[in-house]
């Protein structure tokens, strides 16, 4: 009887340990959050009780060492853990004046309409450009709102490269004024008219240490934050200001190199009382890497003085 009890106790302990290991292993699978496609350049929108995640779709073959992106994808979640895929809402071919490259983008809502600012290559004006699509729904379908580009490469002369007009991000301030930020090697910004389709003033620039690309604007309490891709391969750094028009004070590195990816592109949101840092890496295997990326999310925290604590990228993600 004593041996039987001992054996039964050992069996219960073994089952318990096995279950604990299984739960631990399962918890490690939360990042990347999108596994049905290779996705990069995430931008999130909080609307009502959901988060909508917009990303470029990486379709580069394994032997193709550059970005191949022809469309954008959208996912939604009510808890930041479980993500629902929606039908493809927008493709490069929806812009008749564009030639290719569904690069970084962002969607913002105003007065019940959803405006999608995207990076594409222009068919007739050499270089990258920024277009706008619009929809009555956060999941689309979206259509070209202008029939032409909002920003073209010949409008910015601070650098001779053809890809300096990329990575648009839009923020609507508390007074209702909307701003567009974008750029590569030079950070540009300009006011937008209330219709969200026209610039409302001159294009200006912001001087930031080692600015590469991927600007993102958000506000927390009384501070504005401008985060961006820093150097190459890219980390994420940030600056703070009491005004969206600056001056901006550089605060340092926020996020280190993204695993197995030369680029790092962030989106920062607050949702149900928690701040989140959304990014991409090259973790999904097989064949994940700089041109076949994967979107991930981890929590973001602030110090008492308003500075952000360095984001630690995890495999566990959101529990």
C-alpha atoms as a PDB file:
ATOM      1  CA  UNK A   1       0.000   0.000   0.000  1.00  0.00           C
ATOM      2  CA  UNK A   2       2.827   2.402   0.870  1.00  0.00           C
ATOM      3  CA  UNK A   3       4.463   1.749  -2.526  1.00  0.00           C
ATOM      4  CA  UNK A   4       1.116   2.302  -4.269  1.00  0.00           C
ATOM      5  CA  UNK A   5       0.605   5.656  -2.540  1.00  0.00           C
ATOM      6  CA  UNK A   6       4.162   6.661  -3.386  1.00  0.00           C
ATOM      7  CA  UNK A   7       3.684   5.694  -7.023  1.00  0.00           C
ATOM      8  CA  UNK A   8       0.360   7.563  -7.209  1.00  0.00           C
ATOM      9  CA  UNK A   9       1.930  10.661  -5.657  1.00  0.00           C
ATOM     10  CA  UNK A  10       4.768  10.504  -8.188  1.00  0.00           C
ATOM     11  CA  UNK A  11       2.256  10.165 -11.028  1.00  0.00           C
ATOM     12  CA  UNK A  12       0.262  13.195  -9.822  1.00  0.00           C
ATOM     13  CA  UNK A  13       3.495  15.198  -9.522  1.00  0.00           C
ATOM     14  CA  UNK A  14       4.577  14.139 -13.034  1.00  0.00           C
ATOM     15  CA  UNK A  15       1.217  15.155 -14.544  1.00  0.00           C
ATOM     16  CA  UNK A  16       1.347  18.455 -12.677  1.00  0.00           C
ATOM     17  CA  UNK A  17       4.877  19.212 -13.913  1.00  0.00           C
ATOM     18  CA  UNK A  18       3.977  18.229 -17.473  1.00  0.00           C
ATOM     19  CA  UNK A  19       0.967  20.549 -17.392  1.00  0.00           C
ATOM     20  CA  UNK A  20       3.081  23.394 -16.008  1.00  0.00           C
ATOM     21  CA  UNK A  21       5.677  22.893 -18.744  1.00  0.00           C
ATOM     22  CA  UNK A  22       2.955  22.824 -21.405  1.00  0.00           C
ATOM     23  CA  UNK A  23       1.488  26.063 -20.050  1.00  0.00           C
ATOM     24  CA  UNK A  24       4.934  27.682 -19.976  1.00  0.00           C
ATOM     25  CA  UNK A  25       5.671  26.561 -23.531  1.00  0.00           C
ATOM     26  CA  UNK A  26       2.304  27.881 -24.675  1.00  0.00           C
ATOM     27  CA  UNK A  27       2.976  31.252 -23.078  1.00  0.00           C
ATOM     28  CA  UNK A  28       6.131  31.639 -25.147  1.00  0.00           C
ATOM     29  CA  UNK A  29       4.141  31.653 -28.382  1.00  0.00           C
ATOM     30  CA  UNK A  30       2.434  35.044 -27.985  1.00  0.00           C
ATOM     31  CA  UNK A  31       5.111  36.880 -30.005  1.00  0.00           C
ATOM     32  CA  UNK A  32       4.936  37.293 -32.933  1.00  0.00           C
ATOM     33  CA  UNK A  33       1.229  38.081 -32.722  1.00  0.00           C
ATOM     34  CA  UNK A  34       0.654  37.664 -36.475  1.00  0.00           C
ATOM     35  CA  UNK A  35       1.681  34.272 -37.844  1.00  0.00           C
ATOM     36  CA  UNK A  36      -0.514  33.728 -40.914  1.00  0.00           C
ATOM     37  CA  UNK A  37       1.528  36.189 -43.003  1.00  0.00           C
ATOM     38  CA  UNK A  38       4.857  37.940 -42.916  1.00  0.00           C
ATOM     39  CA  UNK A  39       4.039  41.479 -41.800  1.00  0.00           C
ATOM     40  CA  UNK A  40       6.061  44.638 -41.164  1.00  0.00           C
ATOM     41  CA  UNK A  41       5.774  48.347 -40.345  1.00  0.00           C
ATOM     42  CA  UNK A  42       2.878  48.010 -37.870  1.00  0.00           C
ATOM     43  CA  UNK A  43       0.578  50.934 -37.093  1.00  0.00           C
ATOM     44  CA  UNK A  44      -2.245  50.575 -34.588  1.00  0.00           C
ATOM     45  CA  UNK A  45      -5.496  52.488 -34.190  1.00  0.00           C
ATOM     46  CA  UNK A  46      -7.618  52.363 -31.030  1.00  0.00           C
ATOM     47  CA  UNK A  47     -11.246  52.798 -32.035  1.00  0.00           C
ATOM     48  CA  UNK A  48     -14.117  52.205 -29.634  1.00  0.00           C
ATOM     49  CA  UNK A  49     -13.417  48.907 -27.858  1.00  0.00           C
ATOM     50  CA  UNK A  50     -10.893  47.435 -30.299  1.00  0.00           C
ATOM     51  CA  UNK A  51      -7.378  47.848 -31.591  1.00  0.00           C
ATOM     52  CA  UNK A  52      -6.960  47.760 -35.363  1.00  0.00           C
ATOM     53  CA  UNK A  53      -3.512  46.776 -36.562  1.00  0.00           C
ATOM     54  CA  UNK A  54      -2.392  47.803 -40.056  1.00  0.00           C
ATOM     55  CA  UNK A  55       0.751  46.345 -41.599  1.00  0.00           C
ATOM     56  CA  UNK A  56       2.524  45.869 -44.885  1.00  0.00           C
ATOM     57  CA  UNK A  57       2.497  42.340 -46.311  1.00  0.00           C
ATOM     58  CA  UNK A  58       6.009  41.008 -46.959  1.00  0.00           C
ATOM     59  CA  UNK A  59       5.940  38.571 -49.880  1.00  0.00           C
ATOM     60  CA  UNK A  60       9.606  38.534 -50.873  1.00  0.00           C
ATOM     61  CA  UNK A  61      10.833  35.089 -51.976  1.00  0.00           C
ATOM     62  CA  UNK A  62      13.465  33.536 -49.751  1.00  0.00           C
ATOM     63  CA  UNK A  63      16.219  34.318 -52.280  1.00  0.00           C
ATOM     64  CA  UNK A  64      15.056  37.927 -52.824  1.00  0.00           C
ATOM     65  CA  UNK A  65      17.103  40.351 -50.735  1.00  0.00           C
ATOM     66  CA  UNK A  66      14.857  43.394 -50.721  1.00  0.00           C
ATOM     67  CA  UNK A  67      11.297  44.375 -49.821  1.00  0.00           C
ATOM     68  CA  UNK A  68       8.473  43.047 -51.950  1.00  0.00           C
ATOM     69  CA  UNK A  69       5.166  44.420 -50.734  1.00  0.00           C
ATOM     70  CA  UNK A  70       2.042  44.779 -52.847  1.00  0.00           C
ATOM     71  CA  UNK A  71      -0.731  45.285 -50.299  1.00  0.00           C
ATOM     72  CA  UNK A  72      -1.554  46.182 -46.724  1.00  0.00           C
ATOM     73  CA  UNK A  73      -3.325  43.961 -44.188  1.00  0.00           C
ATOM     74  CA  UNK A  74      -5.549  44.682 -41.197  1.00  0.00           C
ATOM     75  CA  UNK A  75      -6.157  42.713 -37.995  1.00  0.00           C
ATOM     76  CA  UNK A  76      -8.253  43.544 -34.938  1.00  0.00           C
ATOM     77  CA  UNK A  77      -8.236  42.580 -31.275  1.00  0.00           C
ATOM     78  CA  UNK A  78     -10.240  43.249 -28.132  1.00  0.00           C
ATOM     79  CA  UNK A  79      -7.543  42.028 -25.732  1.00  0.00           C
ATOM     80  CA  UNK A  80      -4.155  42.464 -27.513  1.00  0.00           C
ATOM     81  CA  UNK A  81      -3.682  38.683 -27.421  1.00  0.00           C
ATOM     82  CA  UNK A  82      -6.163  37.270 -29.913  1.00  0.00           C
ATOM     83  CA  UNK A  83      -6.082  38.822 -33.374  1.00  0.00           C
ATOM     84  CA  UNK A  84      -8.688  38.489 -36.107  1.00  0.00           C
ATOM     85  CA  UNK A  85      -7.692  38.740 -39.749  1.00  0.00           C
ATOM     86  CA  UNK A  86      -9.881  40.766 -42.114  1.00  0.00           C
ATOM     87  CA  UNK A  87     -10.065  40.766 -45.930  1.00  0.00           C
ATOM     88  CA  UNK A  88      -7.296  42.719 -47.664  1.00  0.00           C
ATOM     89  CA  UNK A  89      -8.467  46.357 -47.407  1.00  0.00           C
ATOM     90  CA  UNK A  90      -5.997  48.128 -49.700  1.00  0.00           C
ATOM     91  CA  UNK A  91      -3.496  47.399 -52.464  1.00  0.00           C
ATOM     92  CA  UNK A  92      -0.961  49.476 -54.362  1.00  0.00           C
ATOM     93  CA  UNK A  93      -3.062  48.974 -57.490  1.00  0.00           C
ATOM     94  CA  UNK A  94      -5.868  50.949 -55.816  1.00  0.00           C
ATOM     95  CA  UNK A  95      -3.717  54.028 -56.477  1.00  0.00           C
ATOM     96  CA  UNK A  96      -3.715  54.421 -60.262  1.00  0.00           C
ATOM     97  CA  UNK A  97      -0.827  56.906 -60.116  1.00  0.00           C
ATOM     98  CA  UNK A  98       1.435  54.532 -58.105  1.00  0.00           C
ATOM     99  CA  UNK A  99       3.716  51.838 -59.469  1.00  0.00           C
ATOM    100  CA  UNK A 100       4.620  49.516 -56.572  1.00  0.00           C
ATOM    101  CA  UNK A 101       5.846  49.172 -52.955  1.00  0.00           C
ATOM    102  CA  UNK A 102       3.243  49.021 -50.178  1.00  0.00           C
ATOM    103  CA  UNK A 103       5.568  50.514 -47.579  1.00  0.00           C
ATOM    104  CA  UNK A 104       4.872  51.910 -44.107  1.00  0.00           C
ATOM    105  CA  UNK A 105       1.507  53.523 -43.412  1.00  0.00           C
ATOM    106  CA  UNK A 106      -0.923  54.643 -40.721  1.00  0.00           C
ATOM    107  CA  UNK A 107      -4.715  54.903 -40.352  1.00  0.00           C
ATOM    108  CA  UNK A 108      -6.414  57.625 -38.305  1.00  0.00           C
ATOM    109  CA  UNK A 109     -10.089  58.322 -37.682  1.00  0.00           C
ATOM    110  CA  UNK A 110     -11.782  61.707 -37.964  1.00  0.00           C
ATOM    111  CA  UNK A 111     -15.514  62.460 -37.960  1.00  0.00           C
ATOM    112  CA  UNK A 112     -16.445  58.844 -38.635  1.00  0.00           C
ATOM    113  CA  UNK A 113     -14.116  58.404 -41.596  1.00  0.00           C
ATOM    114  CA  UNK A 114     -10.834  56.511 -41.655  1.00  0.00           C
ATOM    115  CA  UNK A 115      -7.876  58.023 -43.479  1.00  0.00           C
ATOM    116  CA  UNK A 116      -4.993  55.765 -44.499  1.00  0.00           C
ATOM    117  CA  UNK A 117      -1.683  57.512 -45.241  1.00  0.00           C
ATOM    118  CA  UNK A 118       0.583  55.188 -47.219  1.00  0.00           C
ATOM    119  CA  UNK A 119       4.035  55.062 -48.781  1.00  0.00           C
ATOM    120  CA  UNK A 120       4.240  53.992 -52.432  1.00  0.00           C
ATOM    121  CA  UNK A 121       6.486  54.533 -55.431  1.00  0.00           C
ATOM    122  CA  UNK A 122       5.141  57.112 -57.863  1.00  0.00           C
ATOM    123  CA  UNK A 123       4.615  55.993 -61.461  1.00  0.00           C
ATOM    124  CA  UNK A 124       5.655  59.268 -63.111  1.00  0.00           C
ATOM    125  CA  UNK A 125       7.478  61.358 -60.485  1.00  0.00           C
ATOM    126  CA  UNK A 126      10.717  59.529 -59.536  1.00  0.00           C
ATOM    127  CA  UNK A 127      10.913  58.458 -55.910  1.00  0.00           C
ATOM    128  CA  UNK A 128       8.660  57.558 -53.027  1.00  0.00           C
ATOM    129  CA  UNK A 129       5.457  59.427 -52.324  1.00  0.00           C
ATOM    130  CA  UNK A 130       2.630  59.546 -49.806  1.00  0.00           C
ATOM    131  CA  UNK A 131      -0.967  58.891 -50.776  1.00  0.00           C
ATOM    132  CA  UNK A 132      -4.236  58.824 -48.861  1.00  0.00           C
ATOM    133  CA  UNK A 133      -7.040  56.267 -48.943  1.00  0.00           C
ATOM    134  CA  UNK A 134     -10.379  56.650 -47.149  1.00  0.00           C
ATOM    135  CA  UNK A 135     -13.120  54.376 -45.845  1.00  0.00           C
ATOM    136  CA  UNK A 136     -16.235  54.471 -43.678  1.00  0.00           C
ATOM    137  CA  UNK A 137     -14.951  51.438 -41.776  1.00  0.00           C
ATOM    138  CA  UNK A 138     -11.654  50.698 -40.003  1.00  0.00           C
ATOM    139  CA  UNK A 139     -11.474  47.399 -41.893  1.00  0.00           C
ATOM    140  CA  UNK A 140     -12.227  48.894 -45.283  1.00  0.00           C
ATOM    141  CA  UNK A 141     -12.448  48.537 -48.149  1.00  0.00           C
ATOM    142  CA  UNK A 142     -10.465  51.727 -48.738  1.00  0.00           C
ATOM    143  CA  UNK A 143     -10.309  53.801 -51.911  1.00  0.00           C
ATOM    144  CA  UNK A 144      -7.945  56.493 -53.165  1.00  0.00           C
ATOM    145  CA  UNK A 145      -9.113  59.742 -51.578  1.00  0.00           C
ATOM    146  CA  UNK A 146      -7.264  62.176 -53.858  1.00  0.00           C
ATOM    147  CA  UNK A 147      -6.516  60.491 -57.173  1.00  0.00           C
ATOM    148  CA  UNK A 148      -2.964  61.795 -56.778  1.00  0.00           C
ATOM    149  CA  UNK A 149      -0.165  61.861 -54.212  1.00  0.00           C
ATOM    150  CA  UNK A 150      -0.231  64.236 -51.251  1.00  0.00           C
ATOM    151  CA  UNK A 151       3.582  64.288 -50.983  1.00  0.00           C
ATOM    152  CA  UNK A 152       6.022  63.628 -53.840  1.00  0.00           C
ATOM    153  CA  UNK A 153       9.794  63.456 -53.855  1.00  0.00           C
ATOM    154  CA  UNK A 154      10.189  66.751 -55.694  1.00  0.00           C
ATOM    155  CA  UNK A 155       8.495  68.618 -52.820  1.00  0.00           C
ATOM    156  CA  UNK A 156      11.359  68.003 -50.355  1.00  0.00           C
ATOM    157  CA  UNK A 157      14.902  69.074 -51.219  1.00  0.00           C
ATOM    158  CA  UNK A 158      16.827  68.502 -47.986  1.00  0.00           C
ATOM    159  CA  UNK A 159      18.434  65.321 -49.309  1.00  0.00           C
ATOM    160  CA  UNK A 160      19.036  63.928 -52.785  1.00  0.00           C
ATOM    161  CA  UNK A 161      17.818  60.408 -52.015  1.00  0.00           C
ATOM    162  CA  UNK A 162      14.630  59.205 -53.673  1.00  0.00           C
ATOM    163  CA  UNK A 163      13.216  57.534 -50.558  1.00  0.00           C
ATOM    164  CA  UNK A 164      13.099  60.429 -48.092  1.00  0.00           C
ATOM    165  CA  UNK A 165       9.303  60.796 -48.365  1.00  0.00           C
ATOM    166  CA  UNK A 166       8.244  57.628 -46.563  1.00  0.00           C
ATOM    167  CA  UNK A 167       6.714  56.413 -43.297  1.00  0.00           C
ATOM    168  CA  UNK A 168       3.813  58.827 -42.772  1.00  0.00           C
ATOM    169  CA  UNK A 169       2.323  59.196 -39.306  1.00  0.00           C
ATOM    170  CA  UNK A 170      -0.577  61.474 -38.410  1.00  0.00           C
ATOM    171  CA  UNK A 171      -1.621  62.966 -35.091  1.00  0.00           C
ATOM    172  CA  UNK A 172      -4.697  65.095 -34.302  1.00  0.00           C
ATOM    173  CA  UNK A 173      -3.977  67.431 -31.407  1.00  0.00           C
ATOM    174  CA  UNK A 174      -6.468  68.336 -28.691  1.00  0.00           C
ATOM    175  CA  UNK A 175      -7.318  71.603 -30.440  1.00  0.00           C
ATOM    176  CA  UNK A 176      -8.331  69.677 -33.556  1.00  0.00           C
ATOM    177  CA  UNK A 177      -5.252  70.545 -35.601  1.00  0.00           C
ATOM    178  CA  UNK A 178      -3.920  67.547 -37.536  1.00  0.00           C
ATOM    179  CA  UNK A 179      -0.231  67.031 -38.306  1.00  0.00           C
ATOM    180  CA  UNK A 180       1.589  64.785 -40.765  1.00  0.00           C
ATOM    181  CA  UNK A 181       5.116  63.596 -39.923  1.00  0.00           C
ATOM    182  CA  UNK A 182       7.289  61.544 -42.287  1.00  0.00           C
ATOM    183  CA  UNK A 183      10.774  61.051 -43.670  1.00  0.00           C
ATOM    184  CA  UNK A 184      14.028  59.166 -44.103  1.00  0.00           C
ATOM    185  CA  UNK A 185      17.319  60.774 -42.975  1.00  0.00           C
ATOM    186  CA  UNK A 186      15.306  64.006 -42.535  1.00  0.00           C
ATOM    187  CA  UNK A 187      12.186  64.238 -40.359  1.00  0.00           C
ATOM    188  CA  UNK A 188       9.522  66.361 -42.064  1.00  0.00           C
ATOM    189  CA  UNK A 189       6.221  67.598 -40.711  1.00  0.00           C
ATOM    190  CA  UNK A 190       3.351  69.805 -41.794  1.00  0.00           C
ATOM    191  CA  UNK A 191      -0.126  70.786 -40.706  1.00  0.00           C
ATOM    192  CA  UNK A 192      -3.122  69.196 -42.403  1.00  0.00           C
ATOM    193  CA  UNK A 193      -6.409  70.906 -43.191  1.00  0.00           C
ATOM    194  CA  UNK A 194      -9.523  69.674 -41.414  1.00  0.00           C
ATOM    195  CA  UNK A 195     -10.468  67.593 -44.467  1.00  0.00           C
ATOM    196  CA  UNK A 196      -7.269  65.548 -43.844  1.00  0.00           C
ATOM    197  CA  UNK A 197      -6.499  65.675 -47.565  1.00  0.00           C
ATOM    198  CA  UNK A 198      -4.463  68.871 -47.960  1.00  0.00           C
ATOM    199  CA  UNK A 199      -1.430  70.454 -46.372  1.00  0.00           C
ATOM    200  CA  UNK A 200      -2.184  73.579 -44.365  1.00  0.00           C
ATOM    201  CA  UNK A 201       1.117  75.432 -44.435  1.00  0.00           C
ATOM    202  CA  UNK A 202       4.763  74.859 -45.274  1.00  0.00           C
ATOM    203  CA  UNK A 203       6.728  71.644 -44.861  1.00  0.00           C
ATOM    204  CA  UNK A 204       9.087  71.961 -41.893  1.00  0.00           C
ATOM    205  CA  UNK A 205      11.904  69.793 -40.546  1.00  0.00           C
ATOM    206  CA  UNK A 206      12.939  68.567 -37.094  1.00  0.00           C
ATOM    207  CA  UNK A 207      16.556  67.964 -36.121  1.00  0.00           C
ATOM    208  CA  UNK A 208      16.896  64.647 -34.258  1.00  0.00           C
ATOM    209  CA  UNK A 209      20.074  62.678 -33.445  1.00  0.00           C
ATOM    210  CA  UNK A 210      20.701  59.863 -35.950  1.00  0.00           C
ATOM    211  CA  UNK A 211      17.188  60.048 -37.406  1.00  0.00           C
ATOM    212  CA  UNK A 212      16.717  57.268 -39.944  1.00  0.00           C
ATOM    213  CA  UNK A 213      12.956  56.868 -40.494  1.00  0.00           C
ATOM    214  CA  UNK A 214       9.692  55.646 -38.906  1.00  0.00           C
ATOM    215  CA  UNK A 215       8.529  58.695 -36.929  1.00  0.00           C
ATOM    216  CA  UNK A 216       5.593  58.121 -34.565  1.00  0.00           C
ATOM    217  CA  UNK A 217       3.797  60.771 -32.501  1.00  0.00           C
ATOM    218  CA  UNK A 218       1.842  60.090 -29.320  1.00  0.00           C
ATOM    219  CA  UNK A 219       0.886  61.977 -26.174  1.00  0.00           C
ATOM    220  CA  UNK A 220       0.912  60.829 -22.540  1.00  0.00           C
ATOM    221  CA  UNK A 221      -0.375  63.181 -19.862  1.00  0.00           C
ATOM    222  CA  UNK A 222       1.258  66.562 -20.596  1.00  0.00           C
ATOM    223  CA  UNK A 223       4.074  65.302 -22.830  1.00  0.00           C
ATOM    224  CA  UNK A 224       4.336  64.779 -26.572  1.00  0.00           C
ATOM    225  CA  UNK A 225       6.618  61.950 -27.710  1.00  0.00           C
ATOM    226  CA  UNK A 226       8.335  61.624 -31.071  1.00  0.00           C
ATOM    227  CA  UNK A 227       9.844  58.169 -31.459  1.00  0.00           C
ATOM    228  CA  UNK A 228      11.787  57.082 -34.520  1.00  0.00           C
ATOM    229  CA  UNK A 229      14.165  54.537 -36.034  1.00  0.00           C
ATOM    230  CA  UNK A 230      17.725  55.390 -34.996  1.00  0.00           C
ATOM    231  CA  UNK A 231      20.864  54.510 -37.034  1.00  0.00           C
ATOM    232  CA  UNK A 232      21.058  51.338 -39.135  1.00  0.00           C
ATOM    233  CA  UNK A 233      20.512  48.527 -38.289  1.00  0.00           C
ATOM    234  CA  UNK A 234      17.736  50.309 -36.476  1.00  0.00           C
ATOM    235  CA  UNK A 235      17.046  50.853 -32.810  1.00  0.00           C
ATOM    236  CA  UNK A 236      14.135  53.028 -31.646  1.00  0.00           C
ATOM    237  CA  UNK A 237      14.944  56.346 -29.965  1.00  0.00           C
ATOM    238  CA  UNK A 238      12.687  59.161 -28.824  1.00  0.00           C
ATOM    239  CA  UNK A 239      12.392  62.834 -27.942  1.00  0.00           C
ATOM    240  CA  UNK A 240       9.912  64.712 -25.740  1.00  0.00           C
ATOM    241  CA  UNK A 241       8.274  68.119 -25.884  1.00  0.00           C
ATOM    242  CA  UNK A 242       5.546  70.141 -24.195  1.00  0.00           C
ATOM    243  CA  UNK A 243       4.350  71.178 -27.665  1.00  0.00           C
ATOM    244  CA  UNK A 244       3.835  69.213 -30.836  1.00  0.00           C
ATOM    245  CA  UNK A 245       5.714  71.993 -32.616  1.00  0.00           C
ATOM    246  CA  UNK A 246       8.745  71.516 -30.361  1.00  0.00           C
ATOM    247  CA  UNK A 247      11.367  72.166 -29.284  1.00  0.00           C
ATOM    248  CA  UNK A 248      12.097  68.443 -28.964  1.00  0.00           C
ATOM    249  CA  UNK A 249      14.514  67.159 -26.335  1.00  0.00           C
ATOM    250  CA  UNK A 250      16.269  63.905 -27.188  1.00  0.00           C
ATOM    251  CA  UNK A 251      15.864  61.283 -24.430  1.00  0.00           C
ATOM    252  CA  UNK A 252      17.774  58.264 -25.727  1.00  0.00           C
ATOM    253  CA  UNK A 253      17.157  54.702 -26.842  1.00  0.00           C
ATOM    254  CA  UNK A 254      13.729  53.199 -26.224  1.00  0.00           C
ATOM    255  CA  UNK A 255      14.091  49.829 -27.923  1.00  0.00           C
ATOM    256  CA  UNK A 256      17.142  47.844 -29.027  1.00  0.00           C
ATOM    257  CA  UNK A 257      17.784  46.103 -32.354  1.00  0.00           C
ATOM    258  CA  UNK A 258      14.905  43.909 -33.449  1.00  0.00           C
ATOM    259  CA  UNK A 259      15.959  40.288 -33.714  1.00  0.00           C
ATOM    260  CA  UNK A 260      16.850  39.062 -37.209  1.00  0.00           C
ATOM    261  CA  UNK A 261      15.716  42.316 -38.857  1.00  0.00           C
ATOM    262  CA  UNK A 262      17.698  45.347 -39.993  1.00  0.00           C
ATOM    263  CA  UNK A 263      14.679  47.610 -39.562  1.00  0.00           C
ATOM    264  CA  UNK A 264      12.609  48.398 -36.500  1.00  0.00           C
ATOM    265  CA  UNK A 265       9.275  50.177 -36.857  1.00  0.00           C
ATOM    266  CA  UNK A 266       7.132  51.092 -33.852  1.00  0.00           C
ATOM    267  CA  UNK A 267       3.582  52.004 -32.950  1.00  0.00           C
ATOM    268  CA  UNK A 268       2.722  53.192 -29.429  1.00  0.00           C
ATOM    269  CA  UNK A 269      -0.841  53.161 -28.087  1.00  0.00           C
ATOM    270  CA  UNK A 270      -2.852  53.175 -24.862  1.00  0.00           C
ATOM    271  CA  UNK A 271      -5.626  50.606 -24.616  1.00  0.00           C
ATOM    272  CA  UNK A 272      -7.815  49.810 -21.616  1.00  0.00           C
ATOM    273  CA  UNK A 273      -5.445  51.479 -19.165  1.00  0.00           C
ATOM    274  CA  UNK A 274      -2.206  49.949 -20.459  1.00  0.00           C
ATOM    275  CA  UNK A 275       0.426  51.324 -22.843  1.00  0.00           C
ATOM    276  CA  UNK A 276       1.761  49.070 -25.601  1.00  0.00           C
ATOM    277  CA  UNK A 277       4.787  49.068 -27.897  1.00  0.00           C
ATOM    278  CA  UNK A 278       4.097  47.362 -31.226  1.00  0.00           C
ATOM    279  CA  UNK A 279       7.012  46.532 -33.516  1.00  0.00           C
ATOM    280  CA  UNK A 280       8.338  44.000 -35.995  1.00  0.00           C
ATOM    281  CA  UNK A 281      11.224  41.560 -36.042  1.00  0.00           C
ATOM    282  CA  UNK A 282      12.300  38.653 -38.246  1.00  0.00           C
ATOM    283  CA  UNK A 283      11.372  35.912 -35.810  1.00  0.00           C
ATOM    284  CA  UNK A 284       8.815  33.854 -37.714  1.00  0.00           C
ATOM    285  CA  UNK A 285      10.431  30.778 -39.221  1.00  0.00           C
ATOM    286  CA  UNK A 286      11.062  29.307 -41.662  1.00  0.00           C
ATOM    287  CA  UNK A 287      12.554  32.086 -43.758  1.00  0.00           C
ATOM    288  CA  UNK A 288      11.831  35.043 -41.473  1.00  0.00           C
ATOM    289  CA  UNK A 289      14.242  37.965 -41.688  1.00  0.00           C
ATOM    290  CA  UNK A 290      14.679  41.571 -42.770  1.00  0.00           C
ATOM    291  CA  UNK A 291      12.393  41.159 -45.802  1.00  0.00           C
ATOM    292  CA  UNK A 292       9.938  38.683 -44.251  1.00  0.00           C
ATOM    293  CA  UNK A 293       9.074  40.301 -40.951  1.00  0.00           C
ATOM    294  CA  UNK A 294       6.689  39.598 -38.086  1.00  0.00           C
ATOM    295  CA  UNK A 295       4.657  41.962 -35.893  1.00  0.00           C
ATOM    296  CA  UNK A 296       5.059  41.702 -32.105  1.00  0.00           C
ATOM    297  CA  UNK A 297       3.792  43.591 -29.061  1.00  0.00           C
ATOM    298  CA  UNK A 298       5.071  44.200 -25.533  1.00  0.00           C
ATOM    299  CA  UNK A 299       3.977  46.475 -22.703  1.00  0.00           C
ATOM    300  CA  UNK A 300       5.389  49.969 -22.345  1.00  0.00           C
ATOM    301  CA  UNK A 301       5.860  51.839 -19.053  1.00  0.00           C
ATOM    302  CA  UNK A 302       6.647  55.421 -18.008  1.00  0.00           C
ATOM    303  CA  UNK A 303       8.873  56.823 -15.281  1.00  0.00           C
ATOM    304  CA  UNK A 304       7.553  59.443 -12.834  1.00  0.00           C
ATOM    305  CA  UNK A 305       9.249  62.232 -14.776  1.00  0.00           C
ATOM    306  CA  UNK A 306       7.445  61.244 -17.982  1.00  0.00           C
ATOM    307  CA  UNK A 307      10.363  59.517 -19.671  1.00  0.00           C
ATOM    308  CA  UNK A 308       9.675  56.058 -21.050  1.00  0.00           C
ATOM    309  CA  UNK A 309      11.269  52.952 -19.633  1.00  0.00           C
ATOM    310  CA  UNK A 310      13.276  50.955 -22.140  1.00  0.00           C
ATOM    311  CA  UNK A 311      11.068  48.397 -23.857  1.00  0.00           C
ATOM    312  CA  UNK A 312      12.175  44.802 -23.404  1.00  0.00           C
ATOM    313  CA  UNK A 313      11.237  42.621 -26.356  1.00  0.00           C
ATOM    314  CA  UNK A 314       9.915  39.256 -25.174  1.00  0.00           C
ATOM    315  CA  UNK A 315       8.832  35.958 -26.653  1.00  0.00           C
ATOM    316  CA  UNK A 316       5.984  35.779 -24.140  1.00  0.00           C
ATOM    317  CA  UNK A 317       4.420  39.060 -25.264  1.00  0.00           C
ATOM    318  CA  UNK A 318       1.049  39.921 -23.712  1.00  0.00           C
ATOM    319  CA  UNK A 319      -0.189  37.414 -21.149  1.00  0.00           C
END
